[in-house]
Amino acid sequence: MPGVRHKVQTVGSQKLRLVEYSADMEPHWCSVGHFGHIISGRFEITFDNGTEVFEPGDGVVIPDGEAHRHVAKALTDTVQALFVEQA
């Protein structure tokens, strides 16, 4: 996807994704569960029940399932985040 770069490493049953988002990333829906934290930059995520802004050091939890869809966008030029998923 334009505006998104990532490196993936699999460790046992977990997939670690170091992701860099740029401000020109198109907002997009995602329903894959993952958790992690914001390393740098500001990030906005709109869930079905509201919108949250995440700062560096904030934890992010996206549960599995269609009911937990979200759309995310970068609020700064770049955002770096580390996410963990099931491999």
N, C-alpha and C. Protein backbone atom coordinates (compact mmCIF):
# COMPACT_ATOMS: atom_id res chain seq x y z
N MET A 1 0.84 -1.18 0.00
CA MET A 1 0.00 0.00 0.00
C MET A 1 0.88 1.25 0.00
N PRO A 2 0.59 2.23 -0.84
CA PRO A 2 1.40 3.45 -0.85
C PRO A 2 1.41 4.12 0.53
N GLY A 3 2.58 4.61 0.93
CA GLY A 3 2.70 5.30 2.20
C GLY A 3 2.94 4.41 3.39
N VAL A 4 3.13 3.10 3.14
CA VAL A 4 3.38 2.16 4.24
C VAL A 4 4.59 1.30 3.90
N ARG A 5 5.55 1.24 4.83
CA ARG A 5 6.69 0.33 4.68
C ARG A 5 6.75 -0.52 5.94
N HIS A 6 7.11 -1.79 5.79
CA HIS A 6 7.22 -2.61 6.99
C HIS A 6 8.24 -3.71 6.82
N LYS A 7 8.77 -4.14 7.97
CA LYS A 7 9.66 -5.29 8.04
C LYS A 7 8.96 -6.30 8.94
N VAL A 8 8.99 -7.56 8.54
CA VAL A 8 8.31 -8.61 9.29
C VAL A 8 9.31 -9.66 9.71
N GLN A 9 9.21 -10.07 10.96
CA GLN A 9 10.04 -11.16 11.48
C GLN A 9 9.14 -12.12 12.24
N THR A 10 9.25 -13.40 11.96
CA THR A 10 8.45 -14.40 12.66
C THR A 10 9.29 -15.03 13.77
N VAL A 11 8.73 -15.02 14.97
CA VAL A 11 9.39 -15.62 16.14
C VAL A 11 8.40 -16.60 16.76
N GLY A 12 8.64 -17.89 16.57
CA GLY A 12 7.71 -18.90 17.06
C GLY A 12 6.35 -18.72 16.42
N SER A 13 5.31 -18.55 17.24
CA SER A 13 3.96 -18.40 16.72
C SER A 13 3.56 -16.93 16.57
N GLN A 14 4.54 -16.02 16.73
CA GLN A 14 4.24 -14.60 16.62
C GLN A 14 4.93 -13.96 15.42
N LYS A 15 4.24 -13.00 14.85
CA LYS A 15 4.79 -12.21 13.75
C LYS A 15 4.98 -10.79 14.27
N LEU A 16 6.22 -10.29 14.19
CA LEU A 16 6.53 -8.92 14.61
C LEU A 16 6.60 -8.05 13.37
N ARG A 17 5.86 -6.94 13.39
CA ARG A 17 5.86 -6.03 12.25
C ARG A 17 6.33 -4.65 12.71
N LEU A 18 7.46 -4.20 12.21
CA LEU A 18 7.91 -2.84 12.41
C LEU A 18 7.41 -2.05 11.21
N VAL A 19 6.52 -1.11 11.47
CA VAL A 19 5.82 -0.43 10.38
C VAL A 19 6.12 1.07 10.41
N GLU A 20 6.33 1.65 9.23
CA GLU A 20 6.44 3.10 9.10
C GLU A 20 5.33 3.58 8.18
N TYR A 21 4.49 4.44 8.71
CA TYR A 21 3.39 5.04 7.96
C TYR A 21 3.77 6.47 7.60
N SER A 22 3.44 6.92 6.42
CA SER A 22 3.65 8.33 6.07
C SER A 22 2.30 9.03 6.03
N ALA A 23 2.35 10.36 6.08
CA ALA A 23 1.11 11.14 6.12
C ALA A 23 0.28 10.97 4.84
N ASP A 24 0.90 10.51 3.73
CA ASP A 24 0.12 10.33 2.51
C ASP A 24 -0.48 8.93 2.39
N MET A 25 -0.38 8.14 3.46
CA MET A 25 -1.05 6.83 3.48
C MET A 25 -2.55 7.06 3.38
N GLU A 26 -3.20 6.33 2.51
CA GLU A 26 -4.65 6.44 2.40
C GLU A 26 -5.29 5.76 3.61
N PRO A 27 -6.28 6.43 4.25
CA PRO A 27 -7.00 5.75 5.33
C PRO A 27 -7.60 4.45 4.79
N HIS A 28 -7.55 3.40 5.58
CA HIS A 28 -8.05 2.11 5.10
C HIS A 28 -8.61 1.31 6.26
N TRP A 29 -9.57 0.46 5.95
CA TRP A 29 -10.17 -0.40 6.96
C TRP A 29 -9.35 -1.67 7.11
N CYS A 30 -9.29 -2.18 8.31
CA CYS A 30 -8.56 -3.42 8.59
C CYS A 30 -9.30 -4.16 9.69
N SER A 31 -9.40 -5.47 9.60
CA SER A 31 -10.08 -6.23 10.64
C SER A 31 -9.18 -7.31 11.25
N VAL A 32 -7.87 -7.19 11.03
CA VAL A 32 -6.92 -8.18 11.58
C VAL A 32 -6.54 -7.76 13.00
N GLY A 33 -6.59 -8.69 13.94
CA GLY A 33 -6.24 -8.38 15.31
C GLY A 33 -4.74 -8.28 15.51
N HIS A 34 -4.30 -7.27 16.26
CA HIS A 34 -2.90 -7.14 16.62
C HIS A 34 -2.75 -6.17 17.78
N PHE A 35 -1.61 -6.20 18.40
CA PHE A 35 -1.34 -5.24 19.47
C PHE A 35 0.10 -4.79 19.36
N GLY A 36 0.41 -3.66 19.97
CA GLY A 36 1.76 -3.15 19.92
C GLY A 36 1.83 -1.77 20.52
N HIS A 37 2.77 -0.96 20.04
CA HIS A 37 2.90 0.40 20.56
C HIS A 37 3.48 1.33 19.51
N ILE A 38 3.19 2.61 19.70
CA ILE A 38 3.69 3.64 18.80
C ILE A 38 5.10 4.02 19.24
N ILE A 39 6.04 3.98 18.32
CA ILE A 39 7.43 4.33 18.62
C ILE A 39 7.64 5.83 18.44
N SER A 40 7.14 6.39 17.34
CA SER A 40 7.30 7.82 17.10
C SER A 40 6.14 8.31 16.24
N GLY A 41 5.85 9.61 16.35
CA GLY A 41 4.78 10.20 15.57
C GLY A 41 3.44 10.10 16.27
N ARG A 42 2.42 10.67 15.64
CA ARG A 42 1.05 10.64 16.17
C ARG A 42 0.17 9.91 15.16
N PHE A 43 -0.75 9.11 15.68
CA PHE A 43 -1.55 8.21 14.86
C PHE A 43 -3.00 8.31 15.31
N GLU A 44 -3.92 8.35 14.37
CA GLU A 44 -5.34 8.39 14.69
C GLU A 44 -6.00 7.11 14.21
N ILE A 45 -6.77 6.49 15.09
CA ILE A 45 -7.51 5.28 14.71
C ILE A 45 -8.98 5.49 15.03
N THR A 46 -9.82 5.27 14.03
CA THR A 46 -11.26 5.36 14.22
C THR A 46 -11.83 3.95 14.29
N PHE A 47 -12.37 3.63 15.46
CA PHE A 47 -13.05 2.35 15.67
C PHE A 47 -14.54 2.56 15.43
N ASP A 48 -15.31 1.48 15.41
CA ASP A 48 -16.75 1.61 15.22
C ASP A 48 -17.39 2.46 16.32
N ASN A 49 -16.77 2.49 17.51
CA ASN A 49 -17.37 3.21 18.63
C ASN A 49 -16.68 4.53 18.96
N GLY A 50 -15.81 5.04 18.09
CA GLY A 50 -15.18 6.32 18.35
C GLY A 50 -13.76 6.40 17.81
N THR A 51 -13.14 7.57 17.99
CA THR A 51 -11.81 7.84 17.47
C THR A 51 -10.84 8.09 18.61
N GLU A 52 -9.62 7.53 18.48
CA GLU A 52 -8.57 7.74 19.48
C GLU A 52 -7.31 8.22 18.77
N VAL A 53 -6.55 9.09 19.45
CA VAL A 53 -5.26 9.56 18.96
C VAL A 53 -4.19 8.94 19.83
N PHE A 54 -3.16 8.37 19.18
CA PHE A 54 -2.09 7.68 19.88
C PHE A 54 -0.78 8.45 19.72
N GLU A 55 -0.05 8.56 20.83
CA GLU A 55 1.21 9.28 20.89
C GLU A 55 2.34 8.27 21.09
N PRO A 56 3.60 8.69 20.93
CA PRO A 56 4.72 7.77 21.18
C PRO A 56 4.64 7.16 22.58
N GLY A 57 4.85 5.83 22.63
CA GLY A 57 4.77 5.10 23.89
C GLY A 57 3.41 4.53 24.20
N ASP A 58 2.38 5.00 23.50
CA ASP A 58 1.03 4.48 23.74
C ASP A 58 0.89 3.06 23.21
N GLY A 59 0.19 2.23 23.95
CA GLY A 59 -0.14 0.89 23.48
C GLY A 59 -1.36 0.93 22.58
N VAL A 60 -1.39 0.03 21.62
CA VAL A 60 -2.51 -0.07 20.68
C VAL A 60 -2.98 -1.51 20.66
N VAL A 61 -4.27 -1.72 20.86
CA VAL A 61 -4.83 -3.07 20.82
C VAL A 61 -5.97 -3.09 19.81
N ILE A 62 -5.84 -3.95 18.82
CA ILE A 62 -6.89 -4.16 17.82
C ILE A 62 -7.33 -5.62 17.94
N PRO A 63 -8.45 -5.89 18.59
CA PRO A 63 -8.88 -7.29 18.73
C PRO A 63 -9.27 -7.89 17.39
N ASP A 64 -9.33 -9.22 17.35
CA ASP A 64 -9.77 -9.92 16.14
C ASP A 64 -11.26 -9.69 15.91
N GLY A 65 -11.68 -9.91 14.70
CA GLY A 65 -13.11 -9.96 14.40
C GLY A 65 -13.63 -8.75 13.65
N GLU A 66 -14.64 -8.98 12.86
CA GLU A 66 -15.24 -7.93 12.05
C GLU A 66 -15.82 -6.80 12.90
N ALA A 67 -16.27 -7.12 14.12
CA ALA A 67 -16.86 -6.10 15.00
C ALA A 67 -15.83 -5.08 15.46
N HIS A 68 -14.54 -5.39 15.27
CA HIS A 68 -13.49 -4.51 15.76
C HIS A 68 -12.71 -3.86 14.61
N ARG A 69 -13.42 -3.59 13.52
CA ARG A 69 -12.78 -2.94 12.37
C ARG A 69 -12.28 -1.56 12.78
N HIS A 70 -11.28 -1.07 12.08
CA HIS A 70 -10.77 0.26 12.37
C HIS A 70 -10.16 0.86 11.10
N VAL A 71 -10.05 2.17 11.10
CA VAL A 71 -9.37 2.87 10.02
C VAL A 71 -8.33 3.77 10.68
N ALA A 72 -7.13 3.79 10.11
CA ALA A 72 -6.03 4.52 10.74
C ALA A 72 -5.41 5.50 9.76
N LYS A 73 -4.86 6.59 10.31
CA LYS A 73 -4.13 7.54 9.48
C LYS A 73 -3.05 8.21 10.32
N ALA A 74 -1.96 8.60 9.66
CA ALA A 74 -0.85 9.29 10.31
C ALA A 74 -1.21 10.76 10.47
N LEU A 75 -0.93 11.31 11.64
CA LEU A 75 -1.17 12.73 11.89
C LEU A 75 0.12 13.55 11.79
N THR A 76 1.25 12.87 11.64
CA THR A 76 2.54 13.52 11.45
C THR A 76 3.14 13.02 10.15
N ASP A 77 4.25 13.58 9.73
CA ASP A 77 4.87 13.18 8.46
C ASP A 77 5.11 11.67 8.41
N THR A 78 5.61 11.12 9.51
CA THR A 78 5.80 9.67 9.60
C THR A 78 5.41 9.19 11.00
N VAL A 79 5.02 7.94 11.06
CA VAL A 79 4.70 7.27 12.32
C VAL A 79 5.39 5.91 12.28
N GLN A 80 6.10 5.57 13.33
CA GLN A 80 6.68 4.23 13.44
C GLN A 80 5.97 3.48 14.55
N ALA A 81 5.67 2.23 14.31
CA ALA A 81 4.97 1.41 15.29
C ALA A 81 5.46 -0.03 15.19
N LEU A 82 5.42 -0.73 16.32
CA LEU A 82 5.77 -2.15 16.35
C LEU A 82 4.52 -2.91 16.75
N PHE A 83 4.09 -3.84 15.89
CA PHE A 83 2.89 -4.64 16.15
C PHE A 83 3.24 -6.12 16.25
N VAL A 84 2.45 -6.84 17.02
CA VAL A 84 2.62 -8.27 17.18
C VAL A 84 1.32 -8.96 16.75
N GLU A 85 1.44 -9.99 15.92
CA GLU A 85 0.29 -10.75 15.46
C GLU A 85 0.60 -12.23 15.57
N GLN A 86 -0.44 -13.04 15.46
CA GLN A 86 -0.24 -14.48 15.37
C GLN A 86 0.33 -14.81 13.99
N ALA A 87 1.32 -15.67 13.94
CA ALA A 87 1.94 -16.03 12.65
C ALA A 87 1.02 -16.96 11.88
